Every structure is written in C-alpha cells, then in structure tokens.
Amino acid sequence: MSAESTPDPAIPGHGQSRTPGPGRRGKGRRRKPTAKRRKALLVAAWSAAGIVVLGGTGAGVLYFKLNGNLTSVDIDQALGADRPEKADNGSENILVLGSDTRSGGNKKLGGGADDGTARSDTAMIVHVYKGHKKASVVSIPRDTLIDRPDCTDTDGGEHPAADDVMFNSAYSTGGAACAVKTVESISGLRMDHYLEVDFSGFQNLIDDLGGVQVTTTEDIKDPDSHLDLTAGTHRLDGQQALGLVRTRHGVGDGSDLGRIQLQQAFVKALVHQVKDVGLLGNPKKLYDIADTATKTVTTDSDLGSVNSLMSFASGLKGIGPDKMHMVTTPVVYDPADPNRVLLEKTKADQVWTALKNDRPIPGSATQGTATGEAKGVVNAGE
C-alpha cells in the first residue's frame, strides 16, 4: 500500500501540543511520477559506508573492470546555477537517498505492493567535516510536510512548486534532481554528491559482507516488513537487514521517526562490521562485494566512475562509528494529523547553521522534538 495514500493509525507523540514551525496544512496532491523510474531504496549512510570498504581495501585495480556497472545522473545540469554556494571550508555534503519502489527485482522485497510509483523512503544528509575524520548524519523524515520548489528533472521535464506536501513527493515527482533541490531549499546547504541504493542490491551487499551483527533490547515482530527477531544478539542476513531498516510497526511508537532510529543504529553497526571484514586475503569476496556495490549505487555524475568512487571512498575510510553523530531533522507531530510531522524551524535552523559553518550540531537542536521512541532498541552486536 502506498505510504502516502494510506496513513498509519493515529499516533500521539512528544511535541504534539507544541506550536509547529510552519504551522500550515495544505491539500497538496500527489502528482503522477514520471514514466522513467530508478529502482532504489533506502538506508542511508550505509551506502557511503559500503563504498568506504571498497575504496579502503587497497585492491582498487579490480574496480576498473566495474565501470560498466555504475549508473549516474547529472544533477548539476538539471539544477543549473540557482543553488546554494559550495562550501569553501573543506567540508562536503552528500545526499544519500532511496525509494520504496516495488518494481522489477524489488517487488517481493521489503514488504508493500507494486503500485507503479517511487517515493524516497529514506533520506540522509551526510556532512563530512573538514579533514574527513568525522561526520554528522541528518535524517529527513519522509512524512515531513514541506514547500517543494519548482524543479527540472534529469530528463528535462519541468515540475511546478507545491506547498504543504510530503517530503518524499519530491523524488516521486521529479526524481533525484528534484529531491536534491528540495533538500537544498529546506537546508540552504549545497549537496556536493548524491548516492542512491536499491532493495535487491542492499540485500545482496549485506549477504556478500557475511551479514551484520546487531543486538536488540526487545522483540521486534512486523509482518509488513517480514521481520521477526527476539531480544538478543543476531547476525542479520540481507533479508533480515532489509526488514529491520524497513520496519516501523514492530517497535517504538510505530512512526517513521522510530524507523529512522533503527536505520541510524543499523548504519553504525554496518560501519563497525565493514571495518572488521578481512578482504585482502580473499580476492573473490572482494570482487563480489565490488560487483554488487557498483550495481547497487546510483551516483551523481561527478562520482560516476570507479576512479572517482575510489577517491571519494578513500577520503571517508577514517570515519568509524564513534566518529558519526546521527540525528533526525527537528520536527513535531502535526496537530491536524499525527501521521505527519512539521519542521521545528528554529531548531532545524540550528542544525543547518552548524553544518554550514562546519561545526558540531548542538544538543539543544533536537531537545523537545518528536523522536519515535525506538532509540536504544538496536545496537552494534557485541
């Protein structure tokens, strides 16, 4: 079922009685997506982490055979010059995006039905600080009501602006270029790179890595995402990992915000895992991972070659899970519909200002905002 057309049951949450930032409710209709769709998913910074493994192994010669696997989109050409200025402080911003399309090989993965549409199921801004030794990751809830700017997609199609529509409508309306422009409009930050992942590729990559170990502090059971885990330590295979980052009903308050907390915990577990995977002595495993990763990731055109990906990944390989600060964009539940959230503008501005100035995100930026109540349910396995 479409996440946009079939809301979850009403969920009261922290901050519901607060005065929201934008405070508007609109009748934004979902526009028909363009015919050409990219199969995509999901979970954010893990894709950057997976690429880090590949770039940091010292066996880069293998990747020159893999250029044909890569898919790239020319974001810069589509968006033109009307964008935030590039930072001059040595930092970088990467938009990591996935969608919940069920077409093709993704149809039976992750739950849901093939309704012919694609929405950005997961969106994270990965801010890499000057020196590339640490990063902040900011998740953007897909259910956030925003004002979407007019945009031109990578096929040249033009899409008018829309007020008070869900954040994930940007991708379903105009694909990667519209998603990037919307994020830049919300944050005022220039996105230097774009990464996108698909369901089947995510699952295969986790399997190629030998699974990811996590510890759950409570049972998680969600038929919608095909996940059934008892409390304890588990080594998740690809299908289970996909279920974990997709689940929302089996934990916390059942909201997308709770799912984001699970995704962020899994990202840290994945980064921890990939740093411990021994690949130098196993050329076949190395090649399998490289082959899967290059088939899985769609990039902006600047990263659209193995050479570029290797250089990019090499610059990130020093960032471990202890150097990743992960937050959710400050939001409050919409008093008119608790299945939607609204930007807490004052606090969100603290996040964007900190990243623009290459500074840590202050703790005050996320205090008193909606959370999802799933923090601590999943941790890196011991």
Protein backbone atom coordinates (compact mmCIF):
# COMPACT_ATOMS: atom_id res chain seq x y z
CA MET A 1 0.00 0.00 0.00
CA SER A 2 1.22 3.46 -0.71
CA ALA A 3 2.69 5.13 2.34
CA GLU A 4 1.29 8.41 1.08
CA SER A 5 -2.26 7.34 0.40
CA THR A 6 -2.74 5.04 3.42
CA PRO A 7 -1.67 6.69 6.67
CA ASP A 8 -0.85 4.68 9.77
CA PRO A 9 -3.28 4.74 12.70
CA ALA A 10 -3.12 7.93 14.69
CA ILE A 11 -0.07 8.01 16.91
CA PRO A 12 0.23 10.60 19.66
CA GLY A 13 3.79 11.73 20.20
CA HIS A 14 6.08 14.05 22.03
CA GLY A 15 5.65 17.60 20.91
CA GLN A 16 2.12 17.11 19.56
CA SER A 17 0.85 20.04 21.59
CA ARG A 18 3.74 22.25 20.59
CA THR A 19 3.33 25.10 18.18
CA PRO A 20 4.86 23.84 14.96
CA GLY A 21 7.28 25.83 12.86
CA PRO A 22 5.46 26.25 9.54
CA GLY A 23 2.01 25.72 11.07
CA ARG A 24 0.25 25.26 7.72
CA ARG A 25 -1.80 22.46 6.35
CA GLY A 26 -2.35 22.15 2.64
CA LYS A 27 -4.23 19.96 0.25
CA GLY A 28 -1.12 19.02 -1.69
CA ARG A 29 -1.99 16.29 -4.13
CA ARG A 30 0.49 13.67 -5.14
CA ARG A 31 1.47 14.32 -8.72
CA LYS A 32 1.96 11.43 -11.11
CA PRO A 33 5.58 10.31 -11.21
CA THR A 34 7.47 10.43 -14.45
CA ALA A 35 7.47 7.24 -16.51
CA LYS A 36 11.18 6.56 -16.16
CA ARG A 37 11.95 5.27 -12.65
CA ARG A 38 15.06 4.19 -10.88
CA LYS A 39 14.77 1.21 -8.64
CA ALA A 40 16.01 2.41 -5.31
CA LEU A 41 15.99 2.06 -1.61
CA LEU A 42 16.98 3.01 1.37
CA VAL A 43 19.05 3.40 4.10
CA ALA A 44 21.25 5.97 4.16
CA ALA A 45 24.73 6.40 5.23
CA TRP A 46 25.30 2.67 4.91
CA SER A 47 25.78 3.16 1.20
CA ALA A 48 28.60 5.57 1.85
CA ALA A 49 29.94 3.10 4.40
CA GLY A 50 29.82 0.24 1.92
CA ILE A 51 31.72 2.27 -0.61
CA VAL A 52 34.26 3.08 2.08
CA VAL A 53 35.03 -0.62 2.45
CA LEU A 54 35.57 -0.98 -1.23
CA GLY A 55 37.79 2.05 -1.51
CA GLY A 56 39.84 1.22 1.55
CA THR A 57 40.91 -2.31 0.71
CA GLY A 58 44.00 -1.47 -1.33
CA ALA A 59 42.84 -3.63 -4.25
CA GLY A 60 41.50 -0.79 -6.36
CA VAL A 61 42.72 -2.30 -9.63
CA LEU A 62 39.65 -4.58 -9.60
CA TYR A 63 37.28 -1.66 -9.92
CA PHE A 64 38.47 -0.58 -13.33
CA LYS A 65 36.62 -3.62 -14.65
CA LEU A 66 33.41 -2.46 -12.98
CA ASN A 67 32.75 0.90 -14.59
CA GLY A 68 30.03 -0.64 -16.72
CA ASN A 69 28.01 -1.43 -13.59
CA LEU A 70 27.71 2.17 -12.49
CA THR A 71 24.68 4.38 -13.11
CA SER A 72 24.95 8.15 -12.70
CA VAL A 73 22.67 11.17 -13.06
CA ASP A 74 23.72 14.70 -13.99
CA ILE A 75 22.31 16.66 -11.05
CA ASP A 76 24.33 19.80 -11.81
CA GLN A 77 23.00 20.04 -15.35
CA ALA A 78 19.40 19.62 -14.21
CA LEU A 79 19.60 22.19 -11.39
CA GLY A 80 21.73 24.83 -13.10
CA ALA A 81 23.30 27.74 -11.24
CA ASP A 82 20.43 28.64 -8.90
CA ARG A 83 21.76 26.71 -5.92
CA PRO A 84 23.49 27.36 -2.59
CA GLU A 85 27.17 28.16 -2.83
CA LYS A 86 29.70 25.38 -2.41
CA ALA A 87 31.38 25.41 0.99
CA ASP A 88 34.95 26.71 1.00
CA ASN A 89 35.94 25.14 4.32
CA GLY A 90 36.90 21.67 3.10
CA SER A 91 33.65 20.01 4.19
CA GLU A 92 31.26 18.05 1.95
CA ASN A 93 27.53 17.28 1.98
CA ILE A 94 26.23 14.05 0.46
CA LEU A 95 22.54 13.29 0.00
CA VAL A 96 22.00 9.56 0.45
CA LEU A 97 18.60 8.59 -0.88
CA GLY A 98 16.49 5.54 -1.51
CA SER A 99 12.94 4.91 -2.58
CA ASP A 100 10.23 2.40 -1.80
CA THR A 101 9.54 1.35 -5.39
CA ARG A 102 8.40 -2.28 -5.72
CA SER A 103 9.03 -2.68 -9.43
CA GLY A 104 11.34 -5.23 -11.04
CA GLY A 105 13.55 -7.26 -8.74
CA ASN A 106 12.42 -5.27 -5.72
CA LYS A 107 8.77 -6.36 -5.94
CA LYS A 108 8.95 -9.10 -3.31
CA LEU A 109 11.49 -7.41 -1.06
CA GLY A 110 10.85 -5.27 1.98
CA GLY A 111 7.07 -5.62 2.02
CA GLY A 112 4.50 -3.47 0.26
CA ALA A 113 2.93 -3.62 -3.19
CA ASP A 114 3.99 -2.53 -6.66
CA ASP A 115 1.74 0.48 -7.24
CA GLY A 116 3.82 1.89 -10.08
CA THR A 117 5.23 4.76 -8.03
CA ALA A 118 8.50 5.54 -6.29
CA ARG A 119 8.95 7.66 -3.16
CA SER A 120 12.08 8.48 -1.18
CA ASP A 121 11.74 6.00 1.64
CA THR A 122 14.94 7.17 3.31
CA ALA A 123 16.87 10.42 3.04
CA MET A 124 20.00 11.38 4.94
CA ILE A 125 22.35 14.32 4.62
CA VAL A 126 25.87 13.12 5.39
CA HIS A 127 28.05 16.09 6.34
CA VAL A 128 31.76 15.23 6.24
CA TYR A 129 33.76 17.72 8.26
CA LYS A 130 36.99 19.36 7.17
CA GLY A 131 39.80 16.83 7.40
CA HIS A 132 37.36 13.95 6.76
CA LYS A 133 37.83 12.45 10.24
CA LYS A 134 34.24 12.75 11.44
CA ALA A 135 30.72 13.19 10.07
CA SER A 136 27.23 14.24 11.08
CA VAL A 137 24.27 12.41 9.56
CA VAL A 138 20.88 14.14 9.48
CA SER A 139 17.84 12.02 8.59
CA ILE A 140 14.88 13.76 6.97
CA PRO A 141 11.54 12.08 7.80
CA ARG A 142 9.67 11.21 4.62
CA ASP A 143 6.37 12.30 6.24
CA THR A 144 7.56 15.88 6.80
CA LEU A 145 5.24 18.47 5.25
CA ILE A 146 7.30 20.96 3.28
CA ASP A 147 7.04 23.53 0.49
CA ARG A 148 8.54 21.84 -2.55
CA PRO A 149 10.27 24.17 -5.05
CA ASP A 150 9.74 24.01 -8.79
CA CYS A 151 12.33 21.76 -10.36
CA THR A 152 13.57 20.24 -13.61
CA ASP A 153 14.32 16.52 -13.67
CA THR A 154 17.33 14.93 -15.36
CA ASP A 155 15.24 14.22 -18.49
CA GLY A 156 14.39 17.92 -18.84
CA GLY A 157 10.82 17.64 -17.51
CA GLU A 158 9.58 20.65 -15.55
CA HIS A 159 7.59 20.32 -12.34
CA PRO A 160 5.78 23.23 -10.61
CA ALA A 161 6.22 24.07 -6.95
CA ALA A 162 3.77 22.73 -4.38
CA ASP A 163 3.03 23.82 -0.81
CA ASP A 164 2.47 21.59 2.23
CA VAL A 165 3.28 18.28 0.58
CA MET A 166 5.18 15.33 1.99
CA PHE A 167 8.94 15.44 1.61
CA ASN A 168 9.01 12.13 -0.26
CA SER A 169 6.84 13.63 -3.02
CA ALA A 170 9.94 15.44 -4.31
CA TYR A 171 11.52 12.21 -5.54
CA SER A 172 8.28 10.75 -6.87
CA THR A 173 7.63 14.00 -8.75
CA GLY A 174 11.00 14.78 -10.30
CA GLY A 175 13.45 12.06 -9.32
CA ALA A 176 16.94 12.67 -7.99
CA ALA A 177 17.28 16.26 -9.20
CA CYS A 178 14.03 17.37 -7.56
CA ALA A 179 14.96 15.59 -4.32
CA VAL A 180 18.32 17.38 -4.25
CA LYS A 181 16.76 20.76 -4.98
CA THR A 182 14.17 20.24 -2.25
CA VAL A 183 16.83 19.35 0.32
CA GLU A 184 18.88 22.38 -0.68
CA SER A 185 15.78 24.57 -0.42
CA ILE A 186 14.98 23.29 3.08
CA SER A 187 18.50 23.41 4.46
CA GLY A 188 20.31 26.11 2.50
CA LEU A 189 23.18 23.62 2.11
CA ARG A 190 24.77 22.69 -1.21
CA MET A 191 24.69 18.93 -1.85
CA ASP A 192 28.10 18.09 -3.26
CA HIS A 193 27.21 14.48 -4.09
CA TYR A 194 24.25 12.15 -4.47
CA LEU A 195 24.04 8.41 -3.72
CA GLU A 196 21.02 6.14 -4.23
CA VAL A 197 20.54 2.44 -3.47
CA ASP A 198 18.04 -0.31 -4.42
CA PHE A 199 16.30 -3.07 -2.41
CA SER A 200 17.89 -6.10 -4.05
CA GLY A 201 21.34 -4.54 -4.10
CA PHE A 202 21.16 -3.70 -0.40
CA GLN A 203 20.16 -7.26 0.44
CA ASN A 204 22.90 -8.77 -1.75
CA LEU A 205 25.58 -6.47 -0.35
CA ILE A 206 24.77 -7.46 3.24
CA ASP A 207 24.94 -11.12 2.22
CA ASP A 208 28.27 -10.57 0.43
CA LEU A 209 29.64 -8.99 3.60
CA GLY A 210 28.63 -12.09 5.58
CA GLY A 211 25.82 -10.39 7.44
CA VAL A 212 25.79 -7.65 10.08
CA GLN A 213 25.71 -8.35 13.81
CA VAL A 214 23.27 -6.36 15.96
CA THR A 215 21.85 -6.66 19.45
CA THR A 216 18.17 -5.94 20.06
CA THR A 217 16.97 -4.99 23.53
CA GLU A 218 13.41 -6.14 22.86
CA ASP A 219 11.48 -8.39 20.49
CA ILE A 220 10.74 -6.93 17.07
CA LYS A 221 7.94 -8.50 15.04
CA ASP A 222 6.49 -6.80 11.99
CA PRO A 223 4.67 -8.89 9.34
CA ASP A 224 4.68 -5.91 6.97
CA SER A 225 8.48 -5.95 6.73
CA HIS A 226 8.79 -9.74 7.21
CA LEU A 227 10.83 -9.28 10.38
CA ASP A 228 10.68 -11.48 13.49
CA LEU A 229 13.55 -11.04 15.97
CA THR A 230 13.69 -11.96 19.63
CA ALA A 231 15.64 -9.79 22.05
CA GLY A 232 19.31 -10.65 21.89
CA THR A 233 22.29 -10.71 19.53
CA HIS A 234 21.76 -11.66 15.89
CA ARG A 235 23.83 -11.79 12.72
CA LEU A 236 21.36 -10.44 10.20
CA ASP A 237 21.46 -11.71 6.64
CA GLY A 238 20.42 -9.46 3.77
CA GLN A 239 16.71 -10.19 4.01
CA GLN A 240 16.62 -9.63 7.77
CA ALA A 241 18.66 -6.44 7.49
CA LEU A 242 16.26 -5.14 4.87
CA GLY A 243 13.34 -5.97 7.16
CA LEU A 244 14.98 -4.14 10.05
CA VAL A 245 15.56 -0.90 8.20
CA ARG A 246 12.05 -1.09 6.75
CA THR A 247 10.11 -1.86 9.94
CA ARG A 248 8.05 0.77 11.67
CA HIS A 249 5.12 -1.07 13.27
CA GLY A 250 7.15 -3.54 15.30
CA VAL A 251 8.94 -1.10 17.58
CA GLY A 252 8.70 2.32 19.23
CA ASP A 253 5.57 4.36 18.60
CA GLY A 254 5.02 2.87 15.13
CA SER A 255 6.05 6.06 13.33
CA ASP A 256 8.55 6.76 10.59
CA LEU A 257 10.65 8.53 13.24
CA GLY A 258 11.10 5.23 15.09
CA ARG A 259 12.15 3.55 11.86
CA ILE A 260 14.76 6.28 11.36
CA GLN A 261 16.23 5.50 14.78
CA LEU A 262 16.54 1.82 13.80
CA GLN A 263 18.15 2.79 10.49
CA GLN A 264 20.69 5.01 12.20
CA ALA A 265 21.59 2.24 14.65
CA PHE A 266 21.98 -0.21 11.78
CA VAL A 267 24.24 2.20 9.89
CA LYS A 268 26.61 2.29 12.87
CA ALA A 269 26.53 -1.49 13.13
CA LEU A 270 27.28 -1.76 9.41
CA VAL A 271 30.20 0.67 9.58
CA HIS A 272 31.53 -1.32 12.53
CA GLN A 273 31.11 -4.55 10.54
CA VAL A 274 32.77 -3.42 7.33
CA LYS A 275 35.86 -2.24 9.18
CA ASP A 276 36.29 -5.76 10.55
CA VAL A 277 35.77 -7.64 7.28
CA GLY A 278 39.03 -9.19 6.05
CA LEU A 279 39.08 -8.81 2.27
CA LEU A 280 42.72 -8.52 1.32
CA GLY A 281 43.21 -12.28 1.53
CA ASN A 282 40.01 -13.14 -0.30
CA PRO A 283 40.04 -11.74 -3.87
CA LYS A 284 36.79 -13.48 -4.84
CA LYS A 285 34.89 -11.98 -1.91
CA LEU A 286 36.41 -8.61 -2.66
CA TYR A 287 35.32 -8.77 -6.26
CA ASP A 288 31.81 -9.98 -5.31
CA ILE A 289 31.35 -7.03 -2.98
CA ALA A 290 32.72 -4.59 -5.55
CA ASP A 291 30.46 -6.03 -8.23
CA THR A 292 27.36 -5.82 -6.02
CA ALA A 293 28.15 -2.33 -4.75
CA THR A 294 28.74 -0.82 -8.19
CA LYS A 295 25.48 -2.35 -9.43
CA THR A 296 23.62 -1.13 -6.35
CA VAL A 297 24.61 2.52 -6.17
CA THR A 298 23.38 5.34 -8.41
CA THR A 299 25.56 8.44 -8.11
CA ASP A 300 25.81 12.00 -9.32
CA SER A 301 27.88 12.33 -12.48
CA ASP A 302 30.96 13.52 -10.57
CA LEU A 303 31.12 10.10 -8.87
CA GLY A 304 30.09 8.16 -11.96
CA SER A 305 33.34 6.30 -12.47
CA VAL A 306 35.22 3.74 -10.42
CA ASN A 307 38.20 6.09 -10.17
CA SER A 308 36.01 8.85 -8.74
CA LEU A 309 34.25 6.50 -6.33
CA MET A 310 37.57 5.12 -5.11
CA SER A 311 38.93 8.60 -4.49
CA PHE A 312 35.75 9.63 -2.70
CA ALA A 313 35.71 6.46 -0.58
CA SER A 314 39.37 6.77 0.31
CA GLY A 315 38.63 10.18 1.79
CA LEU A 316 35.98 8.68 4.09
CA LYS A 317 37.63 5.48 5.26
CA GLY A 318 38.89 7.01 8.51
CA ILE A 319 35.37 7.74 9.77
CA GLY A 320 34.34 4.99 12.18
CA PRO A 321 31.02 4.59 14.00
CA ASP A 322 32.37 6.51 17.01
CA LYS A 323 33.01 9.49 14.71
CA MET A 324 29.46 9.61 13.28
CA HIS A 325 26.94 11.86 15.03
CA MET A 326 23.44 10.90 13.89
CA VAL A 327 20.31 13.00 14.41
CA THR A 328 16.87 13.45 12.88
CA THR A 329 15.80 16.80 11.45
CA PRO A 330 13.96 18.57 14.29
CA VAL A 331 10.23 18.03 13.80
CA VAL A 332 7.00 17.94 15.80
CA TYR A 333 3.88 15.88 15.12
CA ASP A 334 1.29 17.77 13.10
CA PRO A 335 -1.66 18.56 15.43
CA ALA A 336 -4.02 18.12 12.46
CA ASP A 337 -2.64 14.67 11.54
CA PRO A 338 -0.26 12.76 13.85
CA ASN A 339 0.84 10.65 10.86
CA ARG A 340 2.62 13.74 9.53
CA VAL A 341 5.34 15.92 11.00
CA LEU A 342 6.25 19.58 10.66
CA LEU A 343 9.67 21.19 10.75
CA GLU A 344 10.52 22.83 14.06
CA LYS A 345 12.02 25.72 12.16
CA THR A 346 14.01 27.41 14.93
CA LYS A 347 15.69 24.18 15.95
CA ALA A 348 16.16 22.99 12.36
CA ASP A 349 17.93 26.26 11.61
CA GLN A 350 20.41 25.43 14.39
CA VAL A 351 21.25 22.20 12.55
CA TRP A 352 21.69 23.85 9.14
CA THR A 353 23.71 26.75 10.57
CA ALA A 354 26.06 24.37 12.37
CA LEU A 355 26.70 22.31 9.24
CA LYS A 356 27.08 25.38 7.06
CA ASN A 357 29.83 26.56 9.41
CA ASP A 358 31.33 23.05 9.69
CA ARG A 359 30.58 22.87 13.39
CA PRO A 360 29.06 20.11 15.55
CA ILE A 361 25.27 20.05 15.80
CA PRO A 362 24.33 21.44 19.24
CA GLY A 363 22.37 19.17 21.55
CA SER A 364 19.75 21.89 22.01
CA ALA A 365 18.73 21.50 18.36
CA THR A 366 16.98 18.18 18.98
CA GLN A 367 15.78 18.62 22.55
CA GLY A 368 12.00 18.54 22.99
CA THR A 369 11.29 17.36 19.42
CA ALA A 370 9.48 14.24 18.24
CA THR A 371 11.66 11.13 18.45
CA GLY A 372 9.82 7.90 17.55
CA GLU A 373 10.72 6.24 20.87
CA ALA A 374 12.90 3.50 19.35
CA LYS A 375 16.32 4.75 20.44
CA GLY A 376 18.45 2.03 22.01
CA VAL A 377 16.34 -0.85 20.68
CA VAL A 378 19.11 -1.81 18.22
CA ASN A 379 22.84 -1.58 18.87
CA ALA A 380 26.01 -2.87 17.25
CA GLY A 381 26.42 -6.55 18.18
CA GLU A 382 28.93 -7.43 20.82
